[in-house]
Structure formats: C-alpha cells, structure tokens
Amino acid sequence: MKTKLMVAAAFMAAMVMITSCGNSNKQSQSEQTEQAAPSALSIDDLLSDADSLVNKEVTIEGICTHTCKHGATKMFLMGSDDTKTIRVEAGPLGSFDTRCVNAIVTVTGTLKEQRVDEAYLQNWESRLKAQTEKSHGETAAGCDSEKKARGETANTPEARIADFRAKIAERKIATGKDYLSFYYLEASSYEIQE
C-alpha cells in the first residue's frame, strides 16, 4: 500500500512539474512574440522609406491633425512636424472616430502610392472644364490638410495643376521620373492612444 501511495505521489509531483514547465514555456513564447512583433513606424520613417513599402502592410503612429468633415473617411497623421504628414483612408473601416483629432493614433494598413503625371493632370483639367470635379475641403482650392501632406502651396485648381507640372519637370531632370509620388495608407485597424 505504501508503495502504491509513493508511486501515486511521485506521479502527481511529476504532473505538477510538467504542467508548470509547460506554462512557463507558453509564457516565454508569448514574451518572444511580443518582442518579435514590429513596433509602429514613425511618420518620418515611413515617408523616408515609402517607395520600398508600397503595397505592404505597415503599422504607423502619429498625431492626428484632421479628419475629413465629410464623414471622417480620411484622417491625416503628422510626424515630427507638419511637413511630414500622411493621409490615412478608412477604406473598409468606413470612417474614423472624430476623437482621433489631436490624439496619438496607431494605424495598421497597406501603404499605397498615387502617381500624378501628365495624364492625371489632363484628366483633372477636363473635369474642371466640364464642371464635374468633386470639391474636397472648404474652398475650390481643395482640402488644406491634403495640400499640406503633398507640400502644395497654390490656392486654385489651375495653380495647383501648374505647380504639379513644374514639380514633375524638376523631378524628370533630377531623377528621370516624369511623375510625382504621393503616399497614403489604407487602414485595416486603428487605435487612439489614451
């Protein structure tokens, strides 16, 4: 009988040890996952590496300076200063919470590139001429946040088009590329830091 009790006690002790070792293994795997998970990119870093990140999923963090007044389907995140801003589109999320404004927001999504070339500008001019151009922002000049994200300073659609043509010509001389690249993020999730 003593032998059976000793065997049972040894078996129970072994089970406790196996269970506790298994739990510590799970904890260390969880800790490893947390350490391996990539941290959010700053807006500055995202913009400096944008050409290599197009069509890839990224997580970014920045200060939300604006949400679109027409349903909050877009927001703008700022990096170290207002010259480093990126547009974030809600896409499948539908819209953003307006509490994002003036808060630090972490967004995961796919980085997209919008190219502005001569064909894009001619299409824009055609829509202006036909008066089918959609207005974004408070004036015909467009959304101020969008313009700031693109580094624009012109105040009319015609002046914006002329400015883009001049910048495209400069870029072609400097790099051989006859288009401008503007990057934006299509969000799949976001979190307001509180």
Protein backbone atom coordinates (compact mmCIF):
# COMPACT_ATOMS: atom_id res chain seq x y z
CA MET A 1 0.00 0.00 0.00
CA LYS A 2 2.85 2.37 0.90
CA THR A 3 4.42 1.60 -2.47
CA LYS A 4 1.22 2.47 -4.30
CA LEU A 5 0.93 5.76 -2.37
CA MET A 6 4.55 6.62 -3.09
CA VAL A 7 4.12 5.87 -6.80
CA ALA A 8 0.93 7.97 -6.88
CA ALA A 9 2.65 10.85 -5.06
CA ALA A 10 5.62 10.68 -7.43
CA PHE A 11 3.25 10.64 -10.40
CA MET A 12 1.37 13.71 -9.06
CA ALA A 13 4.64 15.56 -8.44
CA ALA A 14 5.78 14.78 -11.98
CA MET A 15 2.46 16.05 -13.39
CA VAL A 16 2.76 19.30 -11.43
CA MET A 17 6.28 19.82 -12.75
CA ILE A 18 5.29 19.06 -16.35
CA THR A 19 2.31 21.41 -16.11
CA SER A 20 4.33 24.23 -14.59
CA CYS A 21 7.12 23.78 -17.15
CA GLY A 22 4.54 23.84 -19.91
CA ASN A 23 3.08 27.08 -18.57
CA SER A 24 6.46 28.77 -18.32
CA ASN A 25 7.16 27.65 -21.88
CA LYS A 26 3.91 29.26 -23.02
CA GLN A 27 4.79 32.47 -21.22
CA SER A 28 8.22 32.64 -22.80
CA GLN A 29 6.70 32.01 -26.24
CA SER A 30 4.22 34.83 -25.62
CA GLU A 31 7.03 37.11 -24.48
CA GLN A 32 9.03 36.18 -27.59
CA THR A 33 6.04 37.00 -29.81
CA GLU A 34 5.66 40.40 -28.16
CA GLN A 35 9.36 41.11 -28.66
CA ALA A 36 9.29 39.90 -32.27
CA ALA A 37 6.23 41.98 -33.18
CA PRO A 38 7.37 45.05 -35.10
CA SER A 39 6.84 48.37 -33.42
CA ALA A 40 4.99 51.18 -35.15
CA LEU A 41 6.95 53.24 -37.65
CA SER A 42 7.10 56.98 -37.15
CA ILE A 43 5.57 59.02 -39.95
CA ASP A 44 9.04 60.39 -40.76
CA ASP A 45 10.47 56.86 -41.16
CA LEU A 46 7.50 55.72 -43.23
CA LEU A 47 7.82 58.62 -45.64
CA SER A 48 11.59 58.23 -46.00
CA ASP A 49 11.18 54.51 -46.90
CA ALA A 50 7.80 54.76 -48.64
CA ASP A 51 8.93 53.65 -52.11
CA SER A 52 10.13 50.30 -50.70
CA LEU A 53 6.97 49.78 -48.59
CA VAL A 54 4.30 50.28 -51.29
CA ASN A 55 1.61 47.56 -51.19
CA LYS A 56 2.96 46.22 -47.89
CA GLU A 57 1.21 46.15 -44.55
CA VAL A 58 2.72 48.60 -42.08
CA THR A 59 1.88 49.97 -38.65
CA ILE A 60 2.43 53.68 -38.11
CA GLU A 61 1.93 56.10 -35.27
CA GLY A 62 1.45 59.84 -35.38
CA ILE A 63 -0.61 62.78 -34.19
CA CYS A 64 -3.95 63.10 -35.97
CA THR A 65 -4.25 66.69 -37.16
CA HIS A 66 -7.52 66.41 -39.07
CA THR A 67 -10.38 64.12 -40.05
CA CYS A 68 -12.38 64.76 -43.21
CA LYS A 69 -15.50 66.77 -42.43
CA HIS A 70 -17.50 64.68 -44.91
CA GLY A 71 -17.92 61.53 -42.83
CA ALA A 72 -14.40 61.23 -41.37
CA THR A 73 -13.40 58.81 -44.13
CA LYS A 74 -9.89 60.28 -44.14
CA MET A 75 -7.54 61.44 -41.42
CA PHE A 76 -4.09 62.96 -41.52
CA LEU A 77 -1.25 61.88 -39.25
CA MET A 78 1.70 64.18 -38.59
CA GLY A 79 5.25 63.16 -37.82
CA SER A 80 7.94 65.37 -36.31
CA ASP A 81 6.50 68.49 -37.98
CA ASP A 82 3.69 69.49 -40.34
CA THR A 83 5.82 68.92 -43.44
CA LYS A 84 5.79 65.19 -42.63
CA THR A 85 2.13 64.24 -42.93
CA ILE A 86 0.37 61.25 -44.44
CA ARG A 87 -3.25 60.73 -45.42
CA VAL A 88 -4.96 57.66 -43.99
CA GLU A 89 -8.12 56.38 -45.66
CA ALA A 90 -10.72 54.43 -43.70
CA GLY A 91 -11.43 52.11 -46.63
CA PRO A 92 -13.23 49.01 -45.33
CA LEU A 93 -13.48 50.55 -41.84
CA GLY A 94 -15.99 53.09 -43.17
CA SER A 95 -14.93 56.07 -41.07
CA PHE A 96 -12.73 57.20 -38.22
CA ASP A 97 -13.81 58.36 -34.77
CA THR A 98 -13.52 62.14 -34.62
CA ARG A 99 -11.88 61.71 -31.17
CA CYS A 100 -8.73 60.93 -33.19
CA VAL A 101 -8.11 64.65 -33.76
CA ASN A 102 -5.23 65.93 -31.59
CA ALA A 103 -4.56 62.40 -30.28
CA ILE A 104 -1.76 59.97 -30.98
CA VAL A 105 -3.18 57.29 -33.27
CA THR A 106 -1.67 53.93 -34.23
CA VAL A 107 -2.84 52.63 -37.61
CA THR A 108 -2.20 49.35 -39.39
CA GLY A 109 -2.88 49.19 -43.10
CA THR A 110 -1.49 48.89 -46.61
CA LEU A 111 0.71 51.66 -47.98
CA LYS A 112 -0.47 52.86 -51.40
CA GLU A 113 1.12 55.15 -53.97
CA GLN A 114 -0.77 57.73 -56.01
CA ARG A 115 1.12 58.91 -59.07
CA VAL A 116 0.47 62.33 -60.53
CA ASP A 117 1.62 62.50 -64.14
CA GLU A 118 0.60 64.44 -67.24
CA ALA A 119 -2.35 62.13 -67.96
CA TYR A 120 -3.62 62.66 -64.39
CA LEU A 121 -3.34 66.44 -64.82
CA GLN A 122 -5.10 66.43 -68.21
CA ASN A 123 -7.94 64.37 -66.73
CA TRP A 124 -8.21 66.88 -63.86
CA GLU A 125 -8.34 69.79 -66.34
CA SER A 126 -11.09 68.01 -68.31
CA ARG A 127 -13.18 67.55 -65.16
CA LEU A 128 -12.70 71.22 -64.28
CA LYS A 129 -13.75 72.31 -67.76
CA ALA A 130 -16.83 70.04 -67.67
CA GLN A 131 -17.51 71.18 -64.08
CA THR A 132 -17.61 67.58 -62.87
CA GLU A 133 -14.68 67.93 -60.48
CA LYS A 134 -15.66 66.94 -56.93
CA SER A 135 -14.85 69.57 -54.35
CA HIS A 136 -12.85 68.50 -51.31
CA GLY A 137 -12.31 70.91 -48.48
CA GLU A 138 -13.79 74.27 -47.67
CA THR A 139 -12.85 76.01 -50.94
CA ALA A 140 -12.27 75.22 -54.61
CA ALA A 141 -8.55 75.14 -53.82
CA GLY A 142 -9.04 71.82 -52.03
CA CYS A 143 -8.55 70.37 -48.59
CA ASP A 144 -5.82 72.25 -46.72
CA SER A 145 -4.69 69.08 -44.90
CA GLU A 146 -4.41 67.19 -48.20
CA LYS A 147 -2.45 70.04 -49.76
CA LYS A 148 -0.11 70.20 -46.75
CA ALA A 149 0.52 66.44 -46.96
CA ARG A 150 1.52 66.90 -50.61
CA GLY A 151 3.61 70.00 -50.00
CA GLU A 152 1.29 72.18 -52.09
CA THR A 153 1.04 75.96 -51.75
CA ALA A 154 -1.20 77.01 -54.68
CA ASN A 155 -4.70 78.32 -53.98
CA THR A 156 -6.72 77.48 -57.10
CA PRO A 157 -7.12 74.22 -59.00
CA GLU A 158 -5.46 75.79 -62.05
CA ALA A 159 -2.49 76.98 -59.98
CA ARG A 160 -2.22 73.56 -58.33
CA ILE A 161 -2.07 71.89 -61.77
CA ALA A 162 0.60 74.35 -62.95
CA ASP A 163 2.57 73.73 -59.74
CA PHE A 164 2.39 69.96 -60.26
CA ARG A 165 3.63 70.34 -63.85
CA ALA A 166 6.61 72.39 -62.66
CA LYS A 167 7.44 69.82 -59.96
CA ILE A 168 7.14 66.95 -62.46
CA ALA A 169 9.54 68.76 -64.84
CA GLU A 170 12.04 69.28 -61.97
CA ARG A 171 11.80 65.63 -60.95
CA LYS A 172 12.29 64.43 -64.51
CA ILE A 173 15.51 66.44 -64.77
CA ALA A 174 16.72 65.23 -61.37
CA THR A 175 15.69 61.55 -61.48
CA GLY A 176 14.32 60.75 -64.94
CA LYS A 177 10.85 60.08 -63.45
CA ASP A 178 8.03 62.01 -65.11
CA TYR A 179 5.55 61.74 -62.26
CA LEU A 180 5.16 62.68 -58.61
CA SER A 181 4.52 60.05 -55.96
CA PHE A 182 2.13 60.69 -53.10
CA TYR A 183 1.69 58.02 -50.48
CA TYR A 184 -1.30 57.18 -48.33
CA LEU A 185 -2.33 54.37 -46.03
CA GLU A 186 -5.47 52.31 -46.47
CA ALA A 187 -6.34 51.39 -42.89
CA SER A 188 -7.34 47.94 -41.71
CA SER A 189 -7.35 48.88 -38.00
CA TYR A 190 -6.54 51.81 -35.74
CA GLU A 191 -6.26 52.66 -32.08
CA ILE A 192 -6.45 56.00 -30.31
CA GLN A 193 -3.80 56.28 -27.58
CA GLU A 194 -5.35 57.47 -24.34
